[in-house]
Amino acid sequence: MKIVLEIGFSFKRELDQGYHWLEIPIETTVYGALEALVERYPQVRGRLFDETGGIRRNVNALINGANVQQRERFDTVLRPDDRLTILPLIGGG
């Protein structure tokens, strides 16, 4: 299935224009989509995953504008034509 991918990190400049969509198997989770992105662009592994393979704390994701933290987090299953947005966490006070 195909999903639309939006990246809010500065490393998107390192990727070719094809990163705007990602072909993944049906029933892939957000975590699996990030793995697929890294398989396609290995140079971003360290920006998304830590040394243990976990998603870095500064990475946040939205599906069709809704934060994955309000769902099943990075275990949320993606559907065909979903829009996955990857953003850095933003703090403030």
PDB file of N, CA and C in Angstrom:
ATOM      1  N   MET A   1       0.848  -1.167   0.000  1.00  0.00           N
ATOM      2  CA  MET A   1       0.000   0.000   0.000  1.00  0.00           C
ATOM      3  C   MET A   1       0.896   1.233   0.000  1.00  0.00           C
ATOM      4  N   LYS A   2       0.341   2.342  -0.358  1.00  0.00           N
ATOM      5  CA  LYS A   2       1.102   3.577  -0.433  1.00  0.00           C
ATOM      6  C   LYS A   2       0.562   4.569   0.590  1.00  0.00           C
ATOM      7  N   ILE A   3       1.490   5.237   1.309  1.00  0.00           N
ATOM      8  CA  ILE A   3       1.112   6.316   2.210  1.00  0.00           C
ATOM      9  C   ILE A   3       1.877   7.572   1.808  1.00  0.00           C
ATOM     10  N   VAL A   4       1.317   8.707   2.179  1.00  0.00           N
ATOM     11  CA  VAL A   4       1.986   9.992   1.964  1.00  0.00           C
ATOM     12  C   VAL A   4       2.861  10.242   3.185  1.00  0.00           C
ATOM     13  N   LEU A   5       4.073  10.730   2.944  1.00  0.00           N
ATOM     14  CA  LEU A   5       5.016  10.969   4.031  1.00  0.00           C
ATOM     15  C   LEU A   5       5.429  12.432   4.044  1.00  0.00           C
ATOM     16  N   GLU A   6       5.282  13.056   5.199  1.00  0.00           N
ATOM     17  CA  GLU A   6       5.726  14.430   5.396  1.00  0.00           C
ATOM     18  C   GLU A   6       6.778  14.408   6.500  1.00  0.00           C
ATOM     19  N   ILE A   7       7.874  15.104   6.295  1.00  0.00           N
ATOM     20  CA  ILE A   7       8.951  15.115   7.278  1.00  0.00           C
ATOM     21  C   ILE A   7       9.212  16.548   7.709  1.00  0.00           C
ATOM     22  N   GLY A   8       9.148  16.795   9.001  1.00  0.00           N
ATOM     23  CA  GLY A   8       9.379  18.123   9.539  1.00  0.00           C
ATOM     24  C   GLY A   8      10.786  18.335  10.057  1.00  0.00           C
ATOM     25  N   PHE A   9      11.661  17.367   9.879  1.00  0.00           N
ATOM     26  CA  PHE A   9      13.048  17.489  10.320  1.00  0.00           C
ATOM     27  C   PHE A   9      13.891  18.086   9.210  1.00  0.00           C
ATOM     28  N   SER A  10      14.980  18.724   9.598  1.00  0.00           N
ATOM     29  CA  SER A  10      15.872  19.322   8.606  1.00  0.00           C
ATOM     30  C   SER A  10      16.533  18.285   7.710  1.00  0.00           C
ATOM     31  N   PHE A  11      16.622  17.019   8.147  1.00  0.00           N
ATOM     32  CA  PHE A  11      17.295  16.018   7.313  1.00  0.00           C
ATOM     33  C   PHE A  11      16.541  15.702   6.029  1.00  0.00           C
ATOM     34  N   LYS A  12      15.321  16.178   5.872  1.00  0.00           N
ATOM     35  CA  LYS A  12      14.578  15.906   4.641  1.00  0.00           C
ATOM     36  C   LYS A  12      15.314  16.448   3.423  1.00  0.00           C
ATOM     37  N   ARG A  13      16.169  17.454   3.631  1.00  0.00           N
ATOM     38  CA  ARG A  13      16.956  17.987   2.519  1.00  0.00           C
ATOM     39  C   ARG A  13      17.968  16.974   1.990  1.00  0.00           C
ATOM     40  N   GLU A  14      18.289  15.980   2.804  1.00  0.00           N
ATOM     41  CA  GLU A  14      19.242  14.945   2.406  1.00  0.00           C
ATOM     42  C   GLU A  14      18.585  13.847   1.566  1.00  0.00           C
ATOM     43  N   LEU A  15      17.271  13.871   1.436  1.00  0.00           N
ATOM     44  CA  LEU A  15      16.536  12.826   0.750  1.00  0.00           C
ATOM     45  C   LEU A  15      16.149  13.285  -0.649  1.00  0.00           C
ATOM     46  N   ASP A  16      15.961  12.321  -1.541  1.00  0.00           N
ATOM     47  CA  ASP A  16      15.499  12.704  -2.873  1.00  0.00           C
ATOM     48  C   ASP A  16      14.003  13.013  -2.820  1.00  0.00           C
ATOM     49  N   GLN A  17      13.478  13.542  -3.898  1.00  0.00           N
ATOM     50  CA  GLN A  17      12.075  13.949  -3.935  1.00  0.00           C
ATOM     51  C   GLN A  17      11.099  12.783  -3.760  1.00  0.00           C
ATOM     52  N   GLY A  18      11.568  11.553  -3.941  1.00  0.00           N
ATOM     53  CA  GLY A  18      10.704  10.388  -3.801  1.00  0.00           C
ATOM     54  C   GLY A  18      10.287  10.085  -2.381  1.00  0.00           C
ATOM     55  N   TYR A  19      10.854  10.790  -1.403  1.00  0.00           N
ATOM     56  CA  TYR A  19      10.508  10.481  -0.014  1.00  0.00           C
ATOM     57  C   TYR A  19       9.071  10.883   0.318  1.00  0.00           C
ATOM     58  N   HIS A  20       8.409  11.640  -0.530  1.00  0.00           N
ATOM     59  CA  HIS A  20       7.059  12.122  -0.228  1.00  0.00           C
ATOM     60  C   HIS A  20       6.004  11.017  -0.202  1.00  0.00           C
ATOM     61  N   TRP A  21       6.359   9.841  -0.636  1.00  0.00           N
ATOM     62  CA  TRP A  21       5.454   8.706  -0.517  1.00  0.00           C
ATOM     63  C   TRP A  21       6.281   7.497  -0.128  1.00  0.00           C
ATOM     64  N   LEU A  22       5.653   6.562   0.498  1.00  0.00           N
ATOM     65  CA  LEU A  22       6.336   5.361   0.962  1.00  0.00           C
ATOM     66  C   LEU A  22       5.449   4.161   0.685  1.00  0.00           C
ATOM     67  N   GLU A  23       6.005   3.184   0.037  1.00  0.00           N
ATOM     68  CA  GLU A  23       5.295   1.928  -0.248  1.00  0.00           C
ATOM     69  C   GLU A  23       5.604   0.964   0.889  1.00  0.00           C
ATOM     70  N   ILE A  24       4.567   0.517   1.583  1.00  0.00           N
ATOM     71  CA  ILE A  24       4.736  -0.395   2.716  1.00  0.00           C
ATOM     72  C   ILE A  24       3.682  -1.496   2.632  1.00  0.00           C
ATOM     73  N   PRO A  25       3.930  -2.633   3.285  1.00  0.00           N
ATOM     74  CA  PRO A  25       2.919  -3.696   3.300  1.00  0.00           C
ATOM     75  C   PRO A  25       1.657  -3.273   4.060  1.00  0.00           C
ATOM     76  N   ILE A  26       0.549  -3.876   3.726  1.00  0.00           N
ATOM     77  CA  ILE A  26      -0.705  -3.649   4.446  1.00  0.00           C
ATOM     78  C   ILE A  26      -0.504  -4.047   5.906  1.00  0.00           C
ATOM     79  N   GLU A  27      -1.138  -3.320   6.805  1.00  0.00           N
ATOM     80  CA  GLU A  27      -1.075  -3.543   8.253  1.00  0.00           C
ATOM     81  C   GLU A  27       0.278  -3.167   8.860  1.00  0.00           C
ATOM     82  N   THR A  28       1.032  -2.311   8.193  1.00  0.00           N
ATOM     83  CA  THR A  28       2.298  -1.834   8.749  1.00  0.00           C
ATOM     84  C   THR A  28       2.014  -0.792   9.821  1.00  0.00           C
ATOM     85  N   THR A  29       2.791  -0.844  10.892  1.00  0.00           N
ATOM     86  CA  THR A  29       2.666   0.140  11.959  1.00  0.00           C
ATOM     87  C   THR A  29       3.502   1.376  11.620  1.00  0.00           C
ATOM     88  N   VAL A  30       3.339   2.415  12.415  1.00  0.00           N
ATOM     89  CA  VAL A  30       4.158   3.614  12.256  1.00  0.00           C
ATOM     90  C   VAL A  30       5.625   3.238  12.432  1.00  0.00           C
ATOM     91  N   TYR A  31       5.930   2.411  13.424  1.00  0.00           N
ATOM     92  CA  TYR A  31       7.305   1.955  13.635  1.00  0.00           C
ATOM     93  C   TYR A  31       7.824   1.254  12.380  1.00  0.00           C
ATOM     94  N   GLY A  32       7.021   0.388  11.803  1.00  0.00           N
ATOM     95  CA  GLY A  32       7.407  -0.315  10.582  1.00  0.00           C
ATOM     96  C   GLY A  32       7.622   0.634   9.413  1.00  0.00           C
ATOM     97  N   ALA A  33       6.815   1.681   9.337  1.00  0.00           N
ATOM     98  CA  ALA A  33       6.994   2.674   8.267  1.00  0.00           C
ATOM     99  C   ALA A  33       8.320   3.413   8.438  1.00  0.00           C
ATOM    100  N   LEU A  34       8.671   3.725   9.684  1.00  0.00           N
ATOM    101  CA  LEU A  34       9.959   4.371   9.929  1.00  0.00           C
ATOM    102  C   LEU A  34      11.108   3.437   9.572  1.00  0.00           C
ATOM    103  N   GLU A  35      10.945   2.151   9.868  1.00  0.00           N
ATOM    104  CA  GLU A  35      11.955   1.176   9.456  1.00  0.00           C
ATOM    105  C   GLU A  35      12.076   1.133   7.934  1.00  0.00           C
ATOM    106  N   ALA A  36      10.945   1.185   7.230  1.00  0.00           N
ATOM    107  CA  ALA A  36      10.959   1.176   5.764  1.00  0.00           C
ATOM    108  C   ALA A  36      11.645   2.427   5.225  1.00  0.00           C
ATOM    109  N   LEU A  37      11.423   3.563   5.875  1.00  0.00           N
ATOM    110  CA  LEU A  37      12.087   4.800   5.464  1.00  0.00           C
ATOM    111  C   LEU A  37      13.602   4.664   5.624  1.00  0.00           C
ATOM    112  N   VAL A  38      14.035   4.081   6.738  1.00  0.00           N
ATOM    113  CA  VAL A  38      15.467   3.890   6.988  1.00  0.00           C
ATOM    114  C   VAL A  38      16.064   2.875   6.015  1.00  0.00           C
ATOM    115  N   GLU A  39      15.290   1.861   5.654  1.00  0.00           N
ATOM    116  CA  GLU A  39      15.779   0.897   4.665  1.00  0.00           C
ATOM    117  C   GLU A  39      16.022   1.591   3.327  1.00  0.00           C
ATOM    118  N   ARG A  40      15.158   2.507   3.002  1.00  0.00           N
ATOM    119  CA  ARG A  40      15.277   3.245   1.745  1.00  0.00           C
ATOM    120  C   ARG A  40      16.354   4.329   1.819  1.00  0.00           C
ATOM    121  N   TYR A  41      16.490   4.952   2.983  1.00  0.00           N
ATOM    122  CA  TYR A  41      17.457   6.036   3.206  1.00  0.00           C
ATOM    123  C   TYR A  41      18.245   5.740   4.477  1.00  0.00           C
ATOM    124  N   PRO A  42      19.230   4.859   4.418  1.00  0.00           N
ATOM    125  CA  PRO A  42      19.976   4.452   5.626  1.00  0.00           C
ATOM    126  C   PRO A  42      20.620   5.611   6.382  1.00  0.00           C
ATOM    127  N   GLN A  43      20.890   6.694   5.710  1.00  0.00           N
ATOM    128  CA  GLN A  43      21.567   7.826   6.347  1.00  0.00           C
ATOM    129  C   GLN A  43      20.728   8.493   7.438  1.00  0.00           C
ATOM    130  N   VAL A  44      19.432   8.204   7.514  1.00  0.00           N
ATOM    131  CA  VAL A  44      18.598   8.832   8.545  1.00  0.00           C
ATOM    132  C   VAL A  44      18.391   7.946   9.774  1.00  0.00           C
ATOM    133  N   ARG A  45      18.966   6.751   9.784  1.00  0.00           N
ATOM    134  CA  ARG A  45      18.771   5.827  10.911  1.00  0.00           C
ATOM    135  C   ARG A  45      19.069   6.500  12.255  1.00  0.00           C
ATOM    136  N   GLY A  46      20.198   7.118  12.380  1.00  0.00           N
ATOM    137  CA  GLY A  46      20.589   7.722  13.647  1.00  0.00           C
ATOM    138  C   GLY A  46      19.725   8.887  14.074  1.00  0.00           C
ATOM    139  N   ARG A  47      19.007   9.461  13.158  1.00  0.00           N
ATOM    140  CA  ARG A  47      18.119  10.586  13.494  1.00  0.00           C
ATOM    141  C   ARG A  47      16.760  10.109  14.005  1.00  0.00           C
ATOM    142  N   LEU A  48      16.378   8.876  13.624  1.00  0.00           N
ATOM    143  CA  LEU A  48      15.071   8.352  14.031  1.00  0.00           C
ATOM    144  C   LEU A  48      15.152   7.299  15.130  1.00  0.00           C
ATOM    145  N   PHE A  49      16.205   6.469  15.093  1.00  0.00           N
ATOM    146  CA  PHE A  49      16.331   5.346  16.029  1.00  0.00           C
ATOM    147  C   PHE A  49      17.557   5.510  16.914  1.00  0.00           C
ATOM    148  N   ASP A  50      17.431   5.065  18.165  1.00  0.00           N
ATOM    149  CA  ASP A  50      18.582   5.087  19.059  1.00  0.00           C
ATOM    150  C   ASP A  50      19.395   3.806  18.879  1.00  0.00           C
ATOM    151  N   GLU A  51      20.415   3.628  19.703  1.00  0.00           N
ATOM    152  CA  GLU A  51      21.332   2.497  19.575  1.00  0.00           C
ATOM    153  C   GLU A  51      20.656   1.155  19.816  1.00  0.00           C
ATOM    154  N   THR A  52      19.545   1.137  20.556  1.00  0.00           N
ATOM    155  CA  THR A  52      18.849  -0.115  20.863  1.00  0.00           C
ATOM    156  C   THR A  52      17.759  -0.442  19.845  1.00  0.00           C
ATOM    157  N   GLY A  53      17.566   0.442  18.850  1.00  0.00           N
ATOM    158  CA  GLY A  53      16.517   0.227  17.858  1.00  0.00           C
ATOM    159  C   GLY A  53      15.198   0.876  18.224  1.00  0.00           C
ATOM    160  N   GLY A  54      15.158   1.548  19.364  1.00  0.00           N
ATOM    161  CA  GLY A  54      13.958   2.269  19.755  1.00  0.00           C
ATOM    162  C   GLY A  54      13.880   3.611  19.049  1.00  0.00           C
ATOM    163  N   ILE A  55      12.695   4.143  18.963  1.00  0.00           N
ATOM    164  CA  ILE A  55      12.523   5.452  18.337  1.00  0.00           C
ATOM    165  C   ILE A  55      13.022   6.514  19.306  1.00  0.00           C
ATOM    166  N   ARG A  56      13.814   7.429  18.799  1.00  0.00           N
ATOM    167  CA  ARG A  56      14.372   8.493  19.635  1.00  0.00           C
ATOM    168  C   ARG A  56      13.272   9.304  20.301  1.00  0.00           C
ATOM    169  N   ARG A  57      13.572   9.801  21.475  1.00  0.00           N
ATOM    170  CA  ARG A  57      12.587  10.558  22.256  1.00  0.00           C
ATOM    171  C   ARG A  57      12.163  11.852  21.580  1.00  0.00           C
ATOM    172  N   ASN A  58      13.008  12.386  20.701  1.00  0.00           N
ATOM    173  CA  ASN A  58      12.671  13.662  20.059  1.00  0.00           C
ATOM    174  C   ASN A  58      11.855  13.487  18.782  1.00  0.00           C
ATOM    175  N   VAL A  59      11.386  12.266  18.510  1.00  0.00           N
ATOM    176  CA  VAL A  59      10.604  11.996  17.298  1.00  0.00           C
ATOM    177  C   VAL A  59       9.134  11.875  17.669  1.00  0.00           C
ATOM    178  N   ASN A  60       8.299  12.579  16.939  1.00  0.00           N
ATOM    179  CA  ASN A  60       6.853  12.509  17.123  1.00  0.00           C
ATOM    180  C   ASN A  60       6.229  12.200  15.768  1.00  0.00           C
ATOM    181  N   ALA A  61       5.051  11.627  15.762  1.00  0.00           N
ATOM    182  CA  ALA A  61       4.385  11.292  14.500  1.00  0.00           C
ATOM    183  C   ALA A  61       2.904  11.607  14.580  1.00  0.00           C
ATOM    184  N   LEU A  62       2.367  12.004  13.426  1.00  0.00           N
ATOM    185  CA  LEU A  62       0.942  12.258  13.266  1.00  0.00           C
ATOM    186  C   LEU A  62       0.429  11.390  12.130  1.00  0.00           C
ATOM    187  N   ILE A  63      -0.787  10.910  12.262  1.00  0.00           N
ATOM    188  CA  ILE A  63      -1.461  10.207  11.172  1.00  0.00           C
ATOM    189  C   ILE A  63      -2.675  11.037  10.810  1.00  0.00           C
ATOM    190  N   ASN A  64      -2.678  11.537   9.591  1.00  0.00           N
ATOM    191  CA  ASN A  64      -3.766  12.401   9.122  1.00  0.00           C
ATOM    192  C   ASN A  64      -4.034  13.542  10.100  1.00  0.00           C
ATOM    193  N   GLY A  65      -2.963  14.069  10.687  1.00  0.00           N
ATOM    194  CA  GLY A  65      -3.058  15.206  11.583  1.00  0.00           C
ATOM    195  C   GLY A  65      -3.274  14.874  13.048  1.00  0.00           C
ATOM    196  N   ALA A  66      -3.520  13.606  13.377  1.00  0.00           N
ATOM    197  CA  ALA A  66      -3.754  13.207  14.764  1.00  0.00           C
ATOM    198  C   ALA A  66      -2.492  12.575  15.346  1.00  0.00           C
ATOM    199  N   ASN A  67      -2.122  13.008  16.532  1.00  0.00           N
ATOM    200  CA  ASN A  67      -0.914  12.531  17.180  1.00  0.00           C
ATOM    201  C   ASN A  67      -1.029  11.045  17.518  1.00  0.00           C
ATOM    202  N   VAL A  68       0.012  10.275  17.213  1.00  0.00           N
ATOM    203  CA  VAL A  68      -0.012   8.841  17.504  1.00  0.00           C
ATOM    204  C   VAL A  68      -0.012   8.583  19.009  1.00  0.00           C
ATOM    205  N   GLN A  69       0.382   9.569  19.811  1.00  0.00           N
ATOM    206  CA  GLN A  69       0.361   9.404  21.263  1.00  0.00           C
ATOM    207  C   GLN A  69      -1.063   9.233  21.775  1.00  0.00           C
ATOM    208  N   GLN A  70      -2.051   9.690  21.007  1.00  0.00           N
ATOM    209  CA  GLN A  70      -3.452   9.555  21.384  1.00  0.00           C
ATOM    210  C   GLN A  70      -4.037   8.227  20.898  1.00  0.00           C
ATOM    211  N   ARG A  71      -3.234   7.456  20.212  1.00  0.00           N
ATOM    212  CA  ARG A  71      -3.677   6.155  19.679  1.00  0.00           C
ATOM    213  C   ARG A  71      -2.827   5.065  20.313  1.00  0.00           C
ATOM    214  N   GLU A  72      -2.258   4.233  19.485  1.00  0.00           N
ATOM    215  CA  GLU A  72      -1.410   3.137  19.956  1.00  0.00           C
ATOM    216  C   GLU A  72       0.070   3.484  19.838  1.00  0.00           C
ATOM    217  N   ARG A  73       0.365   4.772  19.866  1.00  0.00           N
ATOM    218  CA  ARG A  73       1.732   5.295  19.719  1.00  0.00           C
ATOM    219  C   ARG A  73       2.336   4.795  18.416  1.00  0.00           C
ATOM    220  N   PHE A  74       3.575   4.352  18.443  1.00  0.00           N
ATOM    221  CA  PHE A  74       4.240   3.923  17.209  1.00  0.00           C
ATOM    222  C   PHE A  74       3.797   2.527  16.766  1.00  0.00           C
ATOM    223  N   ASP A  75       2.923   1.895  17.551  1.00  0.00           N
ATOM    224  CA  ASP A  75       2.333   0.607  17.155  1.00  0.00           C
ATOM    225  C   ASP A  75       1.023   0.808  16.397  1.00  0.00           C
ATOM    226  N   THR A  76       0.627   2.037  16.159  1.00  0.00           N
ATOM    227  CA  THR A  76      -0.595   2.332  15.413  1.00  0.00           C
ATOM    228  C   THR A  76      -0.456   1.819  13.989  1.00  0.00           C
ATOM    229  N   VAL A  77      -1.458   1.088  13.522  1.00  0.00           N
ATOM    230  CA  VAL A  77      -1.448   0.520  12.177  1.00  0.00           C
ATOM    231  C   VAL A  77      -1.879   1.575  11.160  1.00  0.00           C
ATOM    232  N   LEU A  78      -1.128   1.666  10.090  1.00  0.00           N
ATOM    233  CA  LEU A  78      -1.435   2.607   9.007  1.00  0.00           C
ATOM    234  C   LEU A  78      -2.403   1.980   8.011  1.00  0.00           C
ATOM    235  N   ARG A  79      -3.188   2.803   7.387  1.00  0.00           N
ATOM    236  CA  ARG A  79      -4.160   2.382   6.373  1.00  0.00           C
ATOM    237  C   ARG A  79      -3.760   2.970   5.024  1.00  0.00           C
ATOM    238  N   PRO A  80      -4.237   2.377   3.928  1.00  0.00           N
ATOM    239  CA  PRO A  80      -3.909   2.922   2.606  1.00  0.00           C
ATOM    240  C   PRO A  80      -4.270   4.407   2.510  1.00  0.00           C
ATOM    241  N   ASP A  81      -3.394   5.157   1.906  1.00  0.00           N
ATOM    242  CA  ASP A  81      -3.560   6.589   1.677  1.00  0.00           C
ATOM    243  C   ASP A  81      -3.482   7.444   2.938  1.00  0.00           C
ATOM    244  N   ASP A  82      -3.061   6.867   4.078  1.00  0.00           N
ATOM    245  CA  ASP A  82      -2.831   7.694   5.255  1.00  0.00           C
ATOM    246  C   ASP A  82      -1.714   8.684   4.966  1.00  0.00           C
ATOM    247  N   ARG A  83      -1.719   9.778   5.704  1.00  0.00           N
ATOM    248  CA  ARG A  83      -0.654  10.767   5.647  1.00  0.00           C
ATOM    249  C   ARG A  83       0.094  10.701   6.954  1.00  0.00           C
ATOM    250  N   LEU A  84       1.341  10.226   6.901  1.00  0.00           N
ATOM    251  CA  LEU A  84       2.181  10.111   8.077  1.00  0.00           C
ATOM    252  C   LEU A  84       3.128  11.306   8.118  1.00  0.00           C
ATOM    253  N   THR A  85       3.060  12.058   9.202  1.00  0.00           N
ATOM    254  CA  THR A  85       3.921  13.225   9.388  1.00  0.00           C
ATOM    255  C   THR A  85       4.888  12.912  10.516  1.00  0.00           C
ATOM    256  N   ILE A  86       6.175  13.101  10.255  1.00  0.00           N
ATOM    257  CA  ILE A  86       7.205  12.874  11.255  1.00  0.00           C
ATOM    258  C   ILE A  86       7.765  14.237  11.655  1.00  0.00           C
ATOM    259  N   LEU A  87       7.711  14.515  12.949  1.00  0.00           N
ATOM    260  CA  LEU A  87       8.106  15.827  13.454  1.00  0.00           C
ATOM    261  C   LEU A  87       9.038  15.688  14.665  1.00  0.00           C
ATOM    262  N   PRO A  88       9.876  16.693  14.872  1.00  0.00           N
ATOM    263  CA  PRO A  88      10.623  16.729  16.135  1.00  0.00           C
ATOM    264  C   PRO A  88       9.679  17.178  17.250  1.00  0.00           C
ATOM    265  N   LEU A  89       9.868  16.645  18.449  1.00  0.00           N
ATOM    266  CA  LEU A  89       9.085  17.135  19.581  1.00  0.00           C
ATOM    267  C   LEU A  89       9.469  18.569  19.845  1.00  0.00           C
ATOM    268  N   ILE A  90       8.500  19.369  20.200  1.00  0.00           N
ATOM    269  CA  ILE A  90       8.745  20.777  20.479  1.00  0.00           C
ATOM    270  C   ILE A  90       8.353  21.040  21.926  1.00  0.00           C
ATOM    271  N   GLY A  91       9.283  21.571  22.672  1.00  0.00           N
ATOM    272  CA  GLY A  91       9.023  21.886  24.066  1.00  0.00           C
ATOM    273  C   GLY A  91       8.843  23.381  24.233  1.00  0.00           C
ATOM    274  N   GLY A  92       8.295  23.734  25.308  1.00  0.00           N
ATOM    275  CA  GLY A  92       8.106  25.149  25.563  1.00  0.00           C
ATOM    276  C   GLY A  92       7.682  25.365  27.006  1.00  0.00           C
ATOM    277  N   GLY A  93       7.523  26.560  27.333  1.00  0.00           N
ATOM    278  CA  GLY A  93       7.112  26.801  28.702  1.00  0.00           C
ATOM    279  C   GLY A  93       6.800  28.248  28.928  1.00  0.00           C
TER     280      GLY A  93
END
